[in-house]
Amino acid sequence: MLPAIFVAHSSPMLAIEPFKGADYRRWAQDLPHPRAIVVVSAHWEADRLAFGETGEHRELIYDFGGFPAELYRLQYPAPGAAAVPGLIEAVAEALGVDPATAVTKRGLDHGVWIPFRHMWPDADVPILQLSMPHGLTDRQLFELGRRLSSLRAHGILIAASGVITHNLRELATDGAGPPPGWAIEFDHWVRQTLSDHDEEALIDWRTRAPHASRNHPTPEHFRPLLIAAGAGQGENVSFPIEGFEWGSLSRRSVQFG
């Protein structure tokens, strides 16, 4: 059975940083090769549960600004979900949505294609991106992950993309200095909570975690973790990538199963 994973998608600069990218490549090489990937990203919040473009010709979304021009020329031509017979219908059934109305023309955002360029550099794994409905509670997102979990037995990797600590106003743009205590404490709390399988604490992270609002002035980069944790509920937890960059930005990535 395929695991469920939470990928720290880092800064867009990850796309052109081979040293940092090597951590992602090593991680993927240790995973079974997926038949397909179903992924949720912090960068696609919507008012409903929707599917991204499922066909062969899919645009990348360069949803960032002020970075080197070469980033905006990068491509990642991974197949769409339509390349896997029955995948769209299976996901729709698991989530209780109508596939005829759920599919949109939206391409892959940088929370997906940037880390995946390192993890599956041949772009040979079909990808179905799901929106993250902002109207769902944290508990409902955990439950959404649970509903997706059955797909793992059919060679489908459930992935979520975000960042464990995400306060862009307090980044160290020069990359110098140790991470601040408030970021370290929050990151360690997440590691311990996941290792203890304390699902209630994780779901209630906004009130139980130390410095929650400072680490996440807005919650969208943490909430994908709840989906991955729901998909891997009760299973072994490991942390294939750890550490900090840009001062307070956690690189912690999580594997369930």
C-alpha atoms as a PDB file:
ATOM      1  CA  MET A   1       0.000   0.000   0.000  1.00  0.00           C
ATOM      2  CA  LEU A   2       1.252   3.479  -0.843  1.00  0.00           C
ATOM      3  CA  PRO A   3       1.889   5.911   2.018  1.00  0.00           C
ATOM      4  CA  ALA A   4       0.324   9.298   2.578  1.00  0.00           C
ATOM      5  CA  ILE A   5       2.758  12.216   2.638  1.00  0.00           C
ATOM      6  CA  PHE A   6       3.018  15.873   3.604  1.00  0.00           C
ATOM      7  CA  VAL A   7       5.556  17.752   1.472  1.00  0.00           C
ATOM      8  CA  ALA A   8       7.126  20.999   2.661  1.00  0.00           C
ATOM      9  CA  HIS A   9       7.131  22.870  -0.627  1.00  0.00           C
ATOM     10  CA  SER A  10       9.595  25.533   0.528  1.00  0.00           C
ATOM     11  CA  SER A  11      10.282  28.735  -1.366  1.00  0.00           C
ATOM     12  CA  PRO A  12       9.849  28.781  -5.174  1.00  0.00           C
ATOM     13  CA  MET A  13      13.656  28.924  -5.304  1.00  0.00           C
ATOM     14  CA  LEU A  14      13.617  25.192  -4.462  1.00  0.00           C
ATOM     15  CA  ALA A  15      12.936  24.593  -8.155  1.00  0.00           C
ATOM     16  CA  ILE A  16      16.477  25.642  -9.075  1.00  0.00           C
ATOM     17  CA  GLU A  17      18.345  24.570  -5.934  1.00  0.00           C
ATOM     18  CA  PRO A  18      19.779  21.097  -6.641  1.00  0.00           C
ATOM     19  CA  PHE A  19      21.324  20.674  -3.182  1.00  0.00           C
ATOM     20  CA  LYS A  20      18.001  21.138  -1.373  1.00  0.00           C
ATOM     21  CA  GLY A  21      16.169  19.315  -4.132  1.00  0.00           C
ATOM     22  CA  ALA A  22      18.340  16.232  -3.575  1.00  0.00           C
ATOM     23  CA  ASP A  23      16.569  15.619  -0.241  1.00  0.00           C
ATOM     24  CA  TYR A  24      13.259  15.368  -2.086  1.00  0.00           C
ATOM     25  CA  ARG A  25      14.684  13.112  -4.761  1.00  0.00           C
ATOM     26  CA  ARG A  26      16.158  10.715  -2.187  1.00  0.00           C
ATOM     27  CA  TRP A  27      12.818  10.585  -0.396  1.00  0.00           C
ATOM     28  CA  ALA A  28      10.895   9.725  -3.558  1.00  0.00           C
ATOM     29  CA  GLN A  29      13.436   7.069  -4.492  1.00  0.00           C
ATOM     30  CA  ASP A  30      12.652   5.316  -1.217  1.00  0.00           C
ATOM     31  CA  LEU A  31       8.910   5.323  -1.968  1.00  0.00           C
ATOM     32  CA  PRO A  32       7.099   2.755  -4.112  1.00  0.00           C
ATOM     33  CA  HIS A  33       6.552   4.242  -7.561  1.00  0.00           C
ATOM     34  CA  PRO A  34       2.973   5.556  -7.583  1.00  0.00           C
ATOM     35  CA  ARG A  35       0.391   4.628 -10.173  1.00  0.00           C
ATOM     36  CA  ALA A  36      -0.893   8.179  -9.700  1.00  0.00           C
ATOM     37  CA  ILE A  37      -0.819  11.011  -7.160  1.00  0.00           C
ATOM     38  CA  VAL A  38      -3.805  12.773  -5.625  1.00  0.00           C
ATOM     39  CA  VAL A  39      -2.568  16.027  -4.118  1.00  0.00           C
ATOM     40  CA  VAL A  40      -3.898  18.999  -2.146  1.00  0.00           C
ATOM     41  CA  SER A  41      -1.902  22.222  -1.982  1.00  0.00           C
ATOM     42  CA  ALA A  42      -1.992  25.237   0.305  1.00  0.00           C
ATOM     43  CA  HIS A  43      -2.115  27.328  -2.855  1.00  0.00           C
ATOM     44  CA  TRP A  44      -5.531  26.226  -4.025  1.00  0.00           C
ATOM     45  CA  GLU A  45      -8.237  27.196  -1.595  1.00  0.00           C
ATOM     46  CA  ALA A  46     -11.743  27.300  -3.055  1.00  0.00           C
ATOM     47  CA  ASP A  47     -15.358  27.583  -2.013  1.00  0.00           C
ATOM     48  CA  ARG A  48     -16.021  23.957  -2.990  1.00  0.00           C
ATOM     49  CA  LEU A  49     -14.256  20.664  -3.525  1.00  0.00           C
ATOM     50  CA  ALA A  50     -12.984  20.696  -7.099  1.00  0.00           C
ATOM     51  CA  PHE A  51     -10.524  18.832  -9.328  1.00  0.00           C
ATOM     52  CA  GLY A  52      -7.843  20.506 -11.398  1.00  0.00           C
ATOM     53  CA  GLU A  53      -7.399  19.911 -15.113  1.00  0.00           C
ATOM     54  CA  THR A  54      -7.444  16.151 -15.751  1.00  0.00           C
ATOM     55  CA  GLY A  55      -6.381  16.061 -19.396  1.00  0.00           C
ATOM     56  CA  GLU A  56      -3.055  15.865 -21.141  1.00  0.00           C
ATOM     57  CA  HIS A  57      -2.483  19.574 -21.811  1.00  0.00           C
ATOM     58  CA  ARG A  58      -2.230  21.319 -18.493  1.00  0.00           C
ATOM     59  CA  GLU A  59      -0.712  24.690 -17.727  1.00  0.00           C
ATOM     60  CA  LEU A  60       1.557  25.339 -14.786  1.00  0.00           C
ATOM     61  CA  ILE A  61       0.624  28.194 -12.487  1.00  0.00           C
ATOM     62  CA  TYR A  62       3.521  30.506 -11.604  1.00  0.00           C
ATOM     63  CA  ASP A  63       1.768  31.883  -8.542  1.00  0.00           C
ATOM     64  CA  PHE A  64       4.693  33.873  -7.153  1.00  0.00           C
ATOM     65  CA  GLY A  65       6.420  37.131  -7.967  1.00  0.00           C
ATOM     66  CA  GLY A  66       9.821  38.769  -7.762  1.00  0.00           C
ATOM     67  CA  PHE A  67      11.889  35.653  -8.502  1.00  0.00           C
ATOM     68  CA  PRO A  68      14.500  34.970 -11.224  1.00  0.00           C
ATOM     69  CA  ALA A  69      13.129  34.819 -14.769  1.00  0.00           C
ATOM     70  CA  GLU A  70      14.270  31.237 -15.234  1.00  0.00           C
ATOM     71  CA  LEU A  71      11.636  30.041 -12.732  1.00  0.00           C
ATOM     72  CA  TYR A  72       8.872  31.236 -15.038  1.00  0.00           C
ATOM     73  CA  ARG A  73      10.253  29.184 -17.928  1.00  0.00           C
ATOM     74  CA  LEU A  74      10.294  25.870 -16.093  1.00  0.00           C
ATOM     75  CA  GLN A  75       7.935  23.120 -17.211  1.00  0.00           C
ATOM     76  CA  TYR A  76       6.605  19.944 -15.620  1.00  0.00           C
ATOM     77  CA  PRO A  77       4.526  18.003 -18.184  1.00  0.00           C
ATOM     78  CA  ALA A  78       3.175  15.278 -15.886  1.00  0.00           C
ATOM     79  CA  PRO A  79       0.137  13.375 -17.210  1.00  0.00           C
ATOM     80  CA  GLY A  80      -3.326  14.267 -15.984  1.00  0.00           C
ATOM     81  CA  ALA A  81      -5.630  11.962 -14.052  1.00  0.00           C
ATOM     82  CA  ALA A  82      -7.467  10.951 -17.225  1.00  0.00           C
ATOM     83  CA  ALA A  83      -4.412   8.825 -18.056  1.00  0.00           C
ATOM     84  CA  VAL A  84      -5.450   6.404 -15.289  1.00  0.00           C
ATOM     85  CA  PRO A  85      -8.747   4.682 -16.109  1.00  0.00           C
ATOM     86  CA  GLY A  86     -11.291   5.057 -13.326  1.00  0.00           C
ATOM     87  CA  LEU A  87      -9.166   7.366 -11.132  1.00  0.00           C
ATOM     88  CA  ILE A  88     -11.386  10.435 -11.407  1.00  0.00           C
ATOM     89  CA  GLU A  89     -14.491   8.383 -10.686  1.00  0.00           C
ATOM     90  CA  ALA A  90     -12.844   6.632  -7.725  1.00  0.00           C
ATOM     91  CA  VAL A  91     -11.774   9.899  -6.129  1.00  0.00           C
ATOM     92  CA  ALA A  92     -15.177  11.451  -6.758  1.00  0.00           C
ATOM     93  CA  GLU A  93     -16.906   8.469  -5.157  1.00  0.00           C
ATOM     94  CA  ALA A  94     -14.616   8.580  -2.121  1.00  0.00           C
ATOM     95  CA  LEU A  95     -15.370  12.261  -1.615  1.00  0.00           C
ATOM     96  CA  GLY A  96     -19.047  12.183  -2.531  1.00  0.00           C
ATOM     97  CA  VAL A  97     -18.822  14.669  -5.411  1.00  0.00           C
ATOM     98  CA  ASP A  98     -20.062  14.594  -8.991  1.00  0.00           C
ATOM     99  CA  PRO A  99     -17.083  14.188 -11.350  1.00  0.00           C
ATOM    100  CA  ALA A 100     -19.040  15.877 -14.137  1.00  0.00           C
ATOM    101  CA  THR A 101     -19.142  19.149 -12.204  1.00  0.00           C
ATOM    102  CA  ALA A 102     -15.984  18.839 -10.079  1.00  0.00           C
ATOM    103  CA  VAL A 103     -13.431  18.972 -12.914  1.00  0.00           C
ATOM    104  CA  THR A 104     -12.050  22.440 -13.755  1.00  0.00           C
ATOM    105  CA  LYS A 105      -9.401  23.756 -16.149  1.00  0.00           C
ATOM    106  CA  ARG A 106      -7.041  24.807 -13.376  1.00  0.00           C
ATOM    107  CA  GLY A 107      -3.383  23.871 -13.802  1.00  0.00           C
ATOM    108  CA  LEU A 108      -0.832  22.793 -11.194  1.00  0.00           C
ATOM    109  CA  ASP A 109       0.291  25.472  -8.734  1.00  0.00           C
ATOM    110  CA  HIS A 110       3.838  25.824  -7.473  1.00  0.00           C
ATOM    111  CA  GLY A 111       3.066  23.970  -4.247  1.00  0.00           C
ATOM    112  CA  VAL A 112       2.774  20.877  -6.435  1.00  0.00           C
ATOM    113  CA  TRP A 113       5.062  21.173  -9.417  1.00  0.00           C
ATOM    114  CA  ILE A 114       8.116  22.635  -7.689  1.00  0.00           C
ATOM    115  CA  PRO A 115       8.728  19.800  -5.178  1.00  0.00           C
ATOM    116  CA  PHE A 116       7.478  17.167  -7.645  1.00  0.00           C
ATOM    117  CA  ARG A 117      10.099  18.259 -10.213  1.00  0.00           C
ATOM    118  CA  HIS A 118      12.690  16.916  -7.781  1.00  0.00           C
ATOM    119  CA  MET A 119      10.730  13.930  -6.521  1.00  0.00           C
ATOM    120  CA  TRP A 120       9.592  12.574  -9.891  1.00  0.00           C
ATOM    121  CA  PRO A 121      11.894  14.369 -12.344  1.00  0.00           C
ATOM    122  CA  ASP A 122      10.757  12.293 -15.319  1.00  0.00           C
ATOM    123  CA  ALA A 123       7.228  13.747 -14.959  1.00  0.00           C
ATOM    124  CA  ASP A 124       5.835  10.288 -15.612  1.00  0.00           C
ATOM    125  CA  VAL A 125       3.321  10.001 -12.750  1.00  0.00           C
ATOM    126  CA  PRO A 126      -0.269  11.152 -13.433  1.00  0.00           C
ATOM    127  CA  ILE A 127      -1.412  13.882 -11.024  1.00  0.00           C
ATOM    128  CA  LEU A 128      -4.876  14.888  -9.863  1.00  0.00           C
ATOM    129  CA  GLN A 129      -4.929  18.072  -7.806  1.00  0.00           C
ATOM    130  CA  LEU A 130      -7.846  18.730  -5.461  1.00  0.00           C
ATOM    131  CA  SER A 131      -8.894  22.076  -4.066  1.00  0.00           C
ATOM    132  CA  MET A 132      -8.864  22.700  -0.327  1.00  0.00           C
ATOM    133  CA  PRO A 133     -12.329  24.058   0.555  1.00  0.00           C
ATOM    134  CA  HIS A 134     -11.857  26.979   2.927  1.00  0.00           C
ATOM    135  CA  GLY A 135     -15.310  26.365   4.388  1.00  0.00           C
ATOM    136  CA  LEU A 136     -14.285  23.029   5.893  1.00  0.00           C
ATOM    137  CA  THR A 137     -13.202  22.901   9.527  1.00  0.00           C
ATOM    138  CA  ASP A 138      -9.876  21.374  10.499  1.00  0.00           C
ATOM    139  CA  ARG A 139     -11.710  18.259  11.668  1.00  0.00           C
ATOM    140  CA  GLN A 140     -13.520  18.001   8.337  1.00  0.00           C
ATOM    141  CA  LEU A 141     -10.205  18.238   6.476  1.00  0.00           C
ATOM    142  CA  PHE A 142      -8.866  15.366   8.600  1.00  0.00           C
ATOM    143  CA  GLU A 143     -11.986  13.386   7.689  1.00  0.00           C
ATOM    144  CA  LEU A 144     -11.492  14.233   4.014  1.00  0.00           C
ATOM    145  CA  GLY A 145      -8.075  12.598   4.249  1.00  0.00           C
ATOM    146  CA  ARG A 146      -9.613   9.513   5.845  1.00  0.00           C
ATOM    147  CA  ARG A 147     -12.012   9.212   2.941  1.00  0.00           C
ATOM    148  CA  LEU A 148      -9.138   9.311   0.469  1.00  0.00           C
ATOM    149  CA  SER A 149      -7.115   6.685   2.328  1.00  0.00           C
ATOM    150  CA  SER A 150      -8.719   3.671   0.623  1.00  0.00           C
ATOM    151  CA  LEU A 151      -7.175   4.746  -2.689  1.00  0.00           C
ATOM    152  CA  ARG A 152      -3.719   3.947  -1.345  1.00  0.00           C
ATOM    153  CA  ALA A 153      -4.379   0.222  -1.688  1.00  0.00           C
ATOM    154  CA  HIS A 154      -4.711   0.766  -5.448  1.00  0.00           C
ATOM    155  CA  GLY A 155      -1.302   2.344  -5.988  1.00  0.00           C
ATOM    156  CA  ILE A 156      -2.410   5.935  -5.439  1.00  0.00           C
ATOM    157  CA  LEU A 157      -0.187   8.225  -3.389  1.00  0.00           C
ATOM    158  CA  ILE A 158      -2.090  10.732  -1.251  1.00  0.00           C
ATOM    159  CA  ALA A 159      -0.013  13.900  -0.957  1.00  0.00           C
ATOM    160  CA  ALA A 160      -0.497  17.241   0.744  1.00  0.00           C
ATOM    161  CA  SER A 161       1.714  20.284   0.195  1.00  0.00           C
ATOM    162  CA  GLY A 162       2.251  23.116   2.646  1.00  0.00           C
ATOM    163  CA  VAL A 163       4.782  24.359   5.219  1.00  0.00           C
ATOM    164  CA  ILE A 164       4.827  23.516   8.937  1.00  0.00           C
ATOM    165  CA  THR A 165       5.879  27.071   9.884  1.00  0.00           C
ATOM    166  CA  HIS A 166       4.866  29.888   7.549  1.00  0.00           C
ATOM    167  CA  ASN A 167       5.223  33.506   8.628  1.00  0.00           C
ATOM    168  CA  LEU A 168       6.568  35.315   5.577  1.00  0.00           C
ATOM    169  CA  ARG A 169       6.801  38.605   7.451  1.00  0.00           C
ATOM    170  CA  GLU A 170       9.467  37.160   9.749  1.00  0.00           C
ATOM    171  CA  LEU A 171      11.682  35.330   7.271  1.00  0.00           C
ATOM    172  CA  ALA A 172      15.424  35.948   7.373  1.00  0.00           C
ATOM    173  CA  THR A 173      15.825  36.973   3.750  1.00  0.00           C
ATOM    174  CA  ASP A 174      19.615  36.763   3.999  1.00  0.00           C
ATOM    175  CA  GLY A 175      19.295  33.149   5.150  1.00  0.00           C
ATOM    176  CA  ALA A 176      21.592  33.826   8.093  1.00  0.00           C
ATOM    177  CA  GLY A 177      21.227  33.023  11.745  1.00  0.00           C
ATOM    178  CA  PRO A 178      19.546  30.227  13.686  1.00  0.00           C
ATOM    179  CA  PRO A 179      15.792  29.658  13.570  1.00  0.00           C
ATOM    180  CA  PRO A 180      13.859  31.610  16.214  1.00  0.00           C
ATOM    181  CA  GLY A 181      12.552  29.875  19.316  1.00  0.00           C
ATOM    182  CA  TRP A 182       8.893  30.356  18.425  1.00  0.00           C
ATOM    183  CA  ALA A 183       9.387  28.441  15.158  1.00  0.00           C
ATOM    184  CA  ILE A 184      11.460  25.683  16.775  1.00  0.00           C
ATOM    185  CA  GLU A 185       8.869  25.140  19.525  1.00  0.00           C
ATOM    186  CA  PHE A 186       6.004  24.894  17.059  1.00  0.00           C
ATOM    187  CA  ASP A 187       7.917  22.555  14.735  1.00  0.00           C
ATOM    188  CA  HIS A 188       8.886  20.287  17.647  1.00  0.00           C
ATOM    189  CA  TRP A 189       5.290  20.272  18.885  1.00  0.00           C
ATOM    190  CA  VAL A 190       4.101  19.081  15.487  1.00  0.00           C
ATOM    191  CA  ARG A 191       6.740  16.344  15.408  1.00  0.00           C
ATOM    192  CA  GLN A 192       5.831  15.117  18.896  1.00  0.00           C
ATOM    193  CA  THR A 193       2.089  15.315  18.310  1.00  0.00           C
ATOM    194  CA  LEU A 194       2.352  13.283  15.121  1.00  0.00           C
ATOM    195  CA  SER A 195       4.711  10.752  16.709  1.00  0.00           C
ATOM    196  CA  ASP A 196       2.267  10.320  19.609  1.00  0.00           C
ATOM    197  CA  HIS A 197      -0.669   9.900  17.202  1.00  0.00           C
ATOM    198  CA  ASP A 198      -2.489  12.581  19.170  1.00  0.00           C
ATOM    199  CA  GLU A 199      -5.076  13.327  16.523  1.00  0.00           C
ATOM    200  CA  GLU A 200      -7.250  15.488  18.741  1.00  0.00           C
ATOM    201  CA  ALA A 201      -4.350  17.785  19.567  1.00  0.00           C
ATOM    202  CA  LEU A 202      -3.377  18.016  15.908  1.00  0.00           C
ATOM    203  CA  ILE A 203      -6.934  18.908  14.861  1.00  0.00           C
ATOM    204  CA  ASP A 204      -7.071  21.490  17.676  1.00  0.00           C
ATOM    205  CA  TRP A 205      -3.640  22.875  16.774  1.00  0.00           C
ATOM    206  CA  ARG A 206      -4.745  26.514  16.746  1.00  0.00           C
ATOM    207  CA  THR A 207      -5.324  26.494  20.507  1.00  0.00           C
ATOM    208  CA  ARG A 208      -2.931  23.753  21.663  1.00  0.00           C
ATOM    209  CA  ALA A 209       0.254  24.376  19.683  1.00  0.00           C
ATOM    210  CA  PRO A 210       2.776  26.924  21.014  1.00  0.00           C
ATOM    211  CA  HIS A 211       2.910  30.196  19.063  1.00  0.00           C
ATOM    212  CA  ALA A 212       0.322  28.917  16.564  1.00  0.00           C
ATOM    213  CA  SER A 213      -0.805  32.317  15.320  1.00  0.00           C
ATOM    214  CA  ARG A 214       2.747  33.614  15.006  1.00  0.00           C
ATOM    215  CA  ASN A 215       3.792  30.622  12.929  1.00  0.00           C
ATOM    216  CA  HIS A 216       0.608  30.835  10.856  1.00  0.00           C
ATOM    217  CA  PRO A 217      -0.896  34.317  10.616  1.00  0.00           C
ATOM    218  CA  THR A 218      -3.179  32.601   8.093  1.00  0.00           C
ATOM    219  CA  PRO A 219      -3.737  28.824   8.346  1.00  0.00           C
ATOM    220  CA  GLU A 220      -3.689  27.592   4.744  1.00  0.00           C
ATOM    221  CA  HIS A 221      -0.101  26.273   4.807  1.00  0.00           C
ATOM    222  CA  PHE A 222      -0.746  24.118   7.881  1.00  0.00           C
ATOM    223  CA  ARG A 223      -4.153  22.725   6.933  1.00  0.00           C
ATOM    224  CA  PRO A 224      -2.940  20.314   4.206  1.00  0.00           C
ATOM    225  CA  LEU A 225      -1.127  18.405   6.965  1.00  0.00           C
ATOM    226  CA  LEU A 226      -4.525  17.510   8.431  1.00  0.00           C
ATOM    227  CA  ILE A 227      -5.525  15.830   5.165  1.00  0.00           C
ATOM    228  CA  ALA A 228      -2.332  13.775   5.017  1.00  0.00           C
ATOM    229  CA  ALA A 229      -2.682  12.823   8.692  1.00  0.00           C
ATOM    230  CA  GLY A 230      -6.261  11.709   8.116  1.00  0.00           C
ATOM    231  CA  ALA A 231      -5.213   9.607   5.132  1.00  0.00           C
ATOM    232  CA  GLY A 232      -2.499   7.940   7.231  1.00  0.00           C
ATOM    233  CA  GLN A 233      -4.385   7.742  10.526  1.00  0.00           C
ATOM    234  CA  GLY A 234      -2.800   5.398  13.068  1.00  0.00           C
ATOM    235  CA  GLU A 235       0.152   4.440  10.861  1.00  0.00           C
ATOM    236  CA  ASN A 236       3.866   4.753  11.432  1.00  0.00           C
ATOM    237  CA  VAL A 237       5.080   8.342  11.135  1.00  0.00           C
ATOM    238  CA  SER A 238       8.508   9.350   9.837  1.00  0.00           C
ATOM    239  CA  PHE A 239      10.167  12.627   8.879  1.00  0.00           C
ATOM    240  CA  PRO A 240      12.235  12.223   5.706  1.00  0.00           C
ATOM    241  CA  ILE A 241      13.202  15.914   5.555  1.00  0.00           C
ATOM    242  CA  GLU A 242      13.788  18.161   8.570  1.00  0.00           C
ATOM    243  CA  GLY A 243      15.465  21.449   9.439  1.00  0.00           C
ATOM    244  CA  PHE A 244      14.904  25.125   8.700  1.00  0.00           C
ATOM    245  CA  GLU A 245      15.684  27.591   5.946  1.00  0.00           C
ATOM    246  CA  TRP A 246      15.195  31.345   5.547  1.00  0.00           C
ATOM    247  CA  GLY A 247      15.381  31.544   9.337  1.00  0.00           C
ATOM    248  CA  SER A 248      11.923  30.411  10.421  1.00  0.00           C
ATOM    249  CA  LEU A 249      10.683  28.312   7.467  1.00  0.00           C
ATOM    250  CA  SER A 250      10.454  24.635   8.428  1.00  0.00           C
ATOM    251  CA  ARG A 251      11.495  21.991   5.914  1.00  0.00           C
ATOM    252  CA  ARG A 252       9.776  19.231   7.887  1.00  0.00           C
ATOM    253  CA  SER A 253       8.077  16.736   5.605  1.00  0.00           C
ATOM    254  CA  VAL A 254       6.059  13.794   6.892  1.00  0.00           C
ATOM    255  CA  GLN A 255       5.383  10.253   5.749  1.00  0.00           C
ATOM    256  CA  PHE A 256       2.505   8.157   7.095  1.00  0.00           C
ATOM    257  CA  GLY A 257       2.947   4.457   6.490  1.00  0.00           C
END
